[in-house]
Amino acid sequence: MKEAHLPNGIRLMYEEMGEAGAPTIIAILGITDNVTDWPNSLASPLIKAGFRVIRYELRDSGHSSHCGDDRPLDVSDFQPALLEGRLPEAPYTLYDMVDDLMGLMDHVQLETAALVGYSYGGAIAQLAALRYPDRVRQLVCLQSTNYNPNLSSRSVDVAAAMAGACRTYASRDEIIGAMTSLRLATNGTTFFMKEDEARASATTSVDRTYYPAGTARMVLSRFSTEAWHDRTQNIERPTLILHGTDDPIFRPDHALDMANRIPGSTLRWLEGAGHNHPRALQQIIIEEILDFLA
């Protein structure tokens, strides 16, 4: 792992893979994720196809900068502000995440890149394409959203599992159990993780890091960002929206809304997929991304 010390004081941990002069793909990950959650099984085929891949840990995730103390926030604490039509106070917003991304690109002396944003990372990618269009070559929104508040909410089971990922636990086994539950709760019907695959994935991620306070602040950051979905009609970069038909976090209307707003975007359904990346689904994701980037 390498470190990028950005002008804004944030330190980002990242990895570069592939030939330095090859066209670059930056994988932008989601809430609860670290670099292990964009595994080599997703990165290696892209490298083999001739791309350079950069995966990095967002602020408040992995071993990148932490932006507060280690006490997890109670997500319910900022609901009153939302009900009153106010934005809750937060140490950063999605726009700060975009600026971190640009700082990382400057650090590695990269003028442009294709952005593959997963979940929360897809929102960062869309805002990057709006704010810095000259630096985004192509845009892939993988199981993502534009956080339009009028779209459907996540399932009750997923909300409970996500809350479990924002808590502290007494033992490593309890942490792995909570992260395993989150993976199982985000399964699709055709493509899903069985218990052993979910636990193995959770164990790898937890052994890298588990930081529930950062997870909660990342959740807060998207609630603290003013609505921006209506501005995505100004995105000019070629865009692929790749979405699971069974996604229990961002249901299909999230993908349809993005596709209807982003001019010329391509919507491809991952039939029977949820919000996670079981091994059986990864090759399909790679094929769709490579076909689009080609």
Protein backbone atom coordinates (compact mmCIF):
# COMPACT_ATOMS: atom_id res chain seq x y z
CA MET A 1 0.00 0.00 0.00
CA LYS A 2 1.06 3.56 -0.73
CA GLU A 3 0.15 6.80 1.01
CA ALA A 4 -1.05 10.01 -0.63
CA HIS A 5 -0.78 13.08 1.60
CA LEU A 6 -3.23 15.57 0.13
CA PRO A 7 -3.07 19.39 0.41
CA ASN A 8 -6.26 19.36 2.51
CA GLY A 9 -4.49 17.33 5.21
CA ILE A 10 -6.17 14.02 4.36
CA ARG A 11 -4.05 10.88 3.97
CA LEU A 12 -5.35 8.25 1.56
CA MET A 13 -4.09 4.70 1.29
CA TYR A 14 -4.06 3.33 -2.25
CA GLU A 15 -2.69 0.67 -4.57
CA GLU A 16 -1.61 0.95 -8.21
CA MET A 17 -1.66 -2.16 -10.40
CA GLY A 18 -0.80 -2.58 -14.07
CA GLU A 19 1.41 -0.66 -16.48
CA ALA A 20 1.97 2.98 -15.53
CA GLY A 21 1.22 4.26 -19.03
CA ALA A 22 -1.96 2.26 -19.55
CA PRO A 23 -5.42 3.88 -19.46
CA THR A 24 -6.43 4.07 -15.82
CA ILE A 25 -9.50 2.85 -13.97
CA ILE A 26 -10.07 4.14 -10.43
CA ALA A 27 -12.27 1.95 -8.24
CA ILE A 28 -14.22 4.08 -5.74
CA LEU A 29 -15.61 1.93 -2.97
CA GLY A 30 -18.65 2.06 -0.75
CA ILE A 31 -19.51 2.61 2.89
CA THR A 32 -17.96 -0.10 5.17
CA ASP A 33 -15.42 -0.99 2.44
CA ASN A 34 -11.64 -1.06 2.31
CA VAL A 35 -9.28 -2.12 -0.48
CA THR A 36 -10.00 -5.80 0.13
CA ASP A 37 -13.59 -5.16 -0.97
CA TRP A 38 -12.42 -4.54 -4.54
CA PRO A 39 -10.53 -7.85 -4.59
CA ASN A 40 -7.91 -9.05 -7.02
CA SER A 41 -10.58 -11.15 -8.72
CA LEU A 42 -12.16 -7.86 -9.85
CA ALA A 43 -8.89 -6.01 -10.48
CA SER A 44 -6.79 -8.66 -12.26
CA PRO A 45 -9.05 -9.11 -15.33
CA LEU A 46 -9.00 -5.35 -15.89
CA ILE A 47 -5.21 -5.33 -15.72
CA LYS A 48 -5.02 -8.32 -18.07
CA ALA A 49 -7.20 -6.38 -20.51
CA GLY A 50 -4.59 -3.61 -20.61
CA PHE A 51 -5.76 -1.20 -17.93
CA ARG A 52 -4.00 0.29 -14.97
CA VAL A 53 -6.14 -0.03 -11.83
CA ILE A 54 -6.05 2.19 -8.76
CA ARG A 55 -8.09 1.21 -5.72
CA TYR A 56 -8.05 3.36 -2.63
CA GLU A 57 -9.58 3.74 0.78
CA LEU A 58 -11.85 6.73 1.28
CA ARG A 59 -11.31 8.99 4.26
CA ASP A 60 -12.76 7.39 7.39
CA SER A 61 -12.30 3.90 5.94
CA GLY A 62 -9.48 1.41 5.93
CA HIS A 63 -6.18 2.96 6.99
CA SER A 64 -6.86 6.37 5.45
CA SER A 65 -7.37 9.43 7.65
CA HIS A 66 -10.00 9.23 10.35
CA CYS A 67 -12.06 12.39 10.65
CA GLY A 68 -13.27 12.27 14.24
CA ASP A 69 -13.09 10.24 17.40
CA ASP A 70 -13.76 6.52 17.64
CA ARG A 71 -17.23 6.73 19.16
CA PRO A 72 -19.75 5.50 16.59
CA LEU A 73 -22.57 7.92 15.87
CA ASP A 74 -26.14 6.84 16.36
CA VAL A 75 -27.66 7.29 12.92
CA SER A 76 -30.98 8.18 14.54
CA ASP A 77 -29.37 11.27 16.11
CA PHE A 78 -29.48 13.24 12.86
CA GLN A 79 -32.96 12.19 11.78
CA PRO A 80 -34.67 15.14 13.56
CA ALA A 81 -32.77 17.61 11.39
CA LEU A 82 -33.85 15.80 8.25
CA LEU A 83 -37.47 15.75 9.35
CA GLU A 84 -37.27 19.51 9.91
CA GLY A 85 -35.82 20.04 6.45
CA ARG A 86 -32.35 20.87 7.73
CA LEU A 87 -29.04 19.32 6.77
CA PRO A 88 -27.41 17.70 9.82
CA GLU A 89 -23.96 18.93 10.77
CA ALA A 90 -21.12 16.73 9.59
CA PRO A 91 -17.32 16.87 9.41
CA TYR A 92 -17.47 16.47 5.61
CA THR A 93 -19.83 15.97 2.68
CA LEU A 94 -19.71 14.06 -0.59
CA TYR A 95 -18.01 17.07 -2.18
CA ASP A 96 -15.05 16.64 0.17
CA MET A 97 -14.84 13.03 -1.02
CA VAL A 98 -14.70 14.33 -4.61
CA ASP A 99 -11.88 16.71 -3.71
CA ASP A 100 -10.00 13.81 -2.09
CA LEU A 101 -10.31 11.88 -5.35
CA MET A 102 -8.93 14.80 -7.33
CA GLY A 103 -6.10 15.14 -4.83
CA LEU A 104 -5.25 11.47 -5.28
CA MET A 105 -5.23 11.89 -9.07
CA ASP A 106 -2.90 14.87 -8.71
CA HIS A 107 -0.67 12.84 -6.40
CA VAL A 108 -0.23 10.08 -8.99
CA GLN A 109 0.03 12.70 -11.78
CA LEU A 110 -3.08 11.46 -13.53
CA GLU A 111 -4.97 13.87 -15.76
CA THR A 112 -7.95 11.67 -16.60
CA ALA A 113 -9.34 8.30 -15.58
CA ALA A 114 -12.36 6.05 -15.99
CA LEU A 115 -14.21 6.00 -12.68
CA VAL A 116 -15.92 2.83 -11.46
CA GLY A 117 -17.96 3.84 -8.44
CA TYR A 118 -19.65 1.18 -6.34
CA SER A 119 -22.64 2.15 -4.17
CA TYR A 120 -21.67 5.32 -2.22
CA GLY A 121 -18.61 5.46 -4.48
CA GLY A 122 -20.89 5.81 -7.49
CA ALA A 123 -22.33 9.00 -6.01
CA ILE A 124 -18.80 10.34 -5.61
CA ALA A 125 -18.08 9.43 -9.24
CA GLN A 126 -21.18 11.24 -10.51
CA LEU A 127 -20.31 14.39 -8.58
CA ALA A 128 -16.74 14.19 -9.88
CA ALA A 129 -18.08 14.06 -13.44
CA LEU A 130 -20.17 17.15 -12.68
CA ARG A 131 -17.46 19.15 -10.96
CA TYR A 132 -14.41 18.04 -12.94
CA PRO A 133 -15.65 16.77 -16.32
CA ASP A 134 -12.28 17.14 -18.00
CA ARG A 135 -10.77 14.64 -15.58
CA VAL A 136 -13.35 11.91 -16.02
CA ARG A 137 -12.95 9.87 -19.18
CA GLN A 138 -15.83 7.43 -18.58
CA LEU A 139 -18.18 6.74 -15.70
CA VAL A 140 -19.48 3.43 -14.35
CA CYS A 141 -22.10 3.50 -11.58
CA LEU A 142 -22.13 0.01 -10.10
CA GLN A 143 -25.12 -0.79 -7.84
CA SER A 144 -25.30 2.90 -7.00
CA THR A 145 -27.66 5.87 -6.70
CA ASN A 146 -27.96 9.63 -7.02
CA TYR A 147 -29.56 9.80 -3.55
CA ASN A 148 -32.77 11.27 -4.90
CA PRO A 149 -34.84 11.43 -1.68
CA ASN A 150 -38.00 10.52 -3.57
CA LEU A 151 -36.75 7.06 -4.49
CA SER A 152 -37.55 3.88 -2.60
CA SER A 153 -35.82 3.11 0.68
CA ARG A 154 -33.81 0.05 1.58
CA SER A 155 -35.41 -3.04 3.04
CA VAL A 156 -35.89 -3.37 6.79
CA ASP A 157 -33.47 -6.29 6.96
CA VAL A 158 -30.75 -4.34 5.20
CA ALA A 159 -31.28 -1.27 7.39
CA ALA A 160 -30.85 -3.45 10.48
CA ALA A 161 -27.72 -5.10 9.06
CA MET A 162 -26.26 -1.72 8.14
CA ALA A 163 -26.91 -0.44 11.65
CA GLY A 164 -25.02 -3.48 12.89
CA ALA A 165 -21.97 -2.37 10.91
CA CYS A 166 -21.97 0.94 12.82
CA ARG A 167 -21.59 -0.63 16.29
CA THR A 168 -18.65 -1.61 18.43
CA TYR A 169 -18.25 -5.22 19.52
CA ALA A 170 -16.32 -7.01 22.21
CA SER A 171 -14.61 -9.54 19.96
CA ARG A 172 -13.34 -10.12 16.44
CA ASP A 173 -15.81 -12.97 16.00
CA GLU A 174 -18.74 -10.63 16.74
CA ILE A 175 -17.45 -8.10 14.22
CA ILE A 176 -17.07 -10.78 11.56
CA GLY A 177 -20.58 -11.96 12.39
CA ALA A 178 -22.01 -8.48 11.87
CA MET A 179 -20.23 -8.01 8.55
CA THR A 180 -21.25 -11.48 7.42
CA SER A 181 -24.87 -10.60 8.19
CA LEU A 182 -24.56 -7.45 6.10
CA ARG A 183 -23.31 -9.44 3.11
CA LEU A 184 -26.09 -11.99 3.44
CA ALA A 185 -28.72 -9.25 3.80
CA THR A 186 -27.64 -7.73 0.48
CA ASN A 187 -27.89 -10.97 -1.51
CA GLY A 188 -29.80 -11.33 -4.75
CA THR A 189 -31.87 -14.34 -5.78
CA THR A 190 -29.75 -15.75 -8.61
CA PHE A 191 -26.42 -14.32 -7.51
CA PHE A 192 -25.85 -14.60 -3.78
CA MET A 193 -23.21 -15.38 -1.21
CA LYS A 194 -23.65 -18.52 0.79
CA GLU A 195 -22.67 -18.42 4.44
CA ASP A 196 -19.10 -19.61 3.86
CA GLU A 197 -18.38 -17.12 1.07
CA ALA A 198 -19.94 -14.26 3.03
CA ARG A 199 -17.93 -15.13 6.13
CA ALA A 200 -14.67 -15.45 4.19
CA SER A 201 -15.25 -12.07 2.54
CA ALA A 202 -16.16 -10.47 5.87
CA THR A 203 -13.12 -11.96 7.59
CA THR A 204 -10.74 -10.60 4.94
CA SER A 205 -12.30 -7.15 5.24
CA VAL A 206 -12.37 -7.09 9.05
CA ASP A 207 -8.77 -8.27 9.27
CA ARG A 208 -7.83 -5.24 7.18
CA THR A 209 -9.90 -2.89 9.35
CA TYR A 210 -13.26 -2.40 11.01
CA TYR A 211 -14.02 1.22 11.84
CA PRO A 212 -17.70 1.74 12.73
CA ALA A 213 -17.25 5.40 13.70
CA GLY A 214 -16.03 6.13 10.19
CA THR A 215 -18.86 4.14 8.68
CA ALA A 216 -21.41 6.21 10.59
CA ARG A 217 -19.75 9.48 9.54
CA MET A 218 -19.81 8.38 5.91
CA VAL A 219 -23.53 7.69 6.25
CA LEU A 220 -23.90 11.15 7.79
CA SER A 221 -21.94 12.74 4.93
CA ARG A 222 -24.50 11.81 2.33
CA PHE A 223 -27.38 13.13 4.48
CA SER A 224 -25.41 16.35 4.94
CA THR A 225 -24.96 16.92 1.21
CA GLU A 226 -27.62 19.03 -0.47
CA ALA A 227 -29.74 17.18 -3.01
CA TRP A 228 -27.93 17.07 -6.33
CA HIS A 229 -29.76 14.43 -8.36
CA ASP A 230 -31.43 17.02 -10.62
CA ARG A 231 -28.03 18.29 -11.77
CA THR A 232 -26.92 14.93 -13.16
CA GLN A 233 -28.61 15.96 -16.42
CA ASN A 234 -25.42 17.98 -16.93
CA ILE A 235 -23.11 14.96 -16.89
CA GLU A 236 -21.42 14.80 -20.28
CA ARG A 237 -19.20 11.76 -19.84
CA PRO A 238 -20.10 8.35 -21.32
CA THR A 239 -21.90 6.57 -18.49
CA LEU A 240 -22.73 2.94 -17.74
CA ILE A 241 -25.27 2.17 -15.01
CA LEU A 242 -24.83 -1.42 -13.89
CA HIS A 243 -27.48 -2.48 -11.40
CA GLY A 244 -28.89 -5.58 -9.75
CA THR A 245 -32.56 -6.29 -10.31
CA ASP A 246 -32.78 -7.56 -6.71
CA ASP A 247 -30.71 -4.83 -5.04
CA PRO A 248 -32.25 -4.39 -1.56
CA ILE A 249 -30.31 -1.20 -0.78
CA PHE A 250 -30.82 0.76 -3.98
CA ARG A 251 -33.86 -0.78 -5.60
CA PRO A 252 -34.26 -0.71 -9.39
CA ASP A 253 -35.93 2.73 -9.38
CA HIS A 254 -32.55 4.20 -8.34
CA ALA A 255 -30.96 2.86 -11.53
CA LEU A 256 -33.87 4.01 -13.67
CA ASP A 257 -33.72 7.50 -12.20
CA MET A 258 -29.99 7.79 -12.91
CA ALA A 259 -30.50 6.53 -16.46
CA ASN A 260 -33.37 8.92 -17.11
CA ARG A 261 -31.34 11.90 -15.94
CA ILE A 262 -27.84 11.29 -17.33
CA PRO A 263 -27.90 12.04 -21.08
CA GLY A 264 -26.95 9.12 -23.30
CA SER A 265 -26.28 6.79 -20.38
CA THR A 266 -26.48 3.03 -20.80
CA LEU A 267 -28.42 0.97 -18.26
CA ARG A 268 -27.53 -2.71 -18.01
CA TRP A 269 -29.31 -4.95 -15.54
CA LEU A 270 -27.56 -7.60 -13.50
CA GLU A 271 -30.45 -10.05 -13.48
CA GLY A 272 -30.97 -11.66 -10.10
CA ALA A 273 -28.12 -9.72 -8.47
CA GLY A 274 -28.31 -7.87 -5.18
CA HIS A 275 -25.89 -5.31 -3.76
CA ASN A 276 -22.86 -7.50 -3.16
CA HIS A 277 -20.28 -9.20 -5.39
CA PRO A 278 -20.42 -12.99 -5.06
CA ARG A 279 -17.80 -14.83 -7.08
CA ALA A 280 -20.39 -16.01 -9.59
CA LEU A 281 -21.30 -12.40 -10.41
CA GLN A 282 -17.82 -10.92 -10.66
CA GLN A 283 -17.06 -12.18 -14.17
CA ILE A 284 -20.32 -10.68 -15.46
CA ILE A 285 -19.46 -7.32 -13.87
CA ILE A 286 -16.00 -7.39 -15.46
CA GLU A 287 -17.38 -8.29 -18.89
CA GLU A 288 -19.90 -5.45 -18.75
CA ILE A 289 -17.27 -2.93 -17.66
CA LEU A 290 -14.76 -4.00 -20.30
CA ASP A 291 -17.37 -3.98 -23.04
CA PHE A 292 -18.35 -0.44 -22.06
CA LEU A 293 -14.80 0.88 -21.73
CA ALA A 294 -13.83 -0.61 -25.07
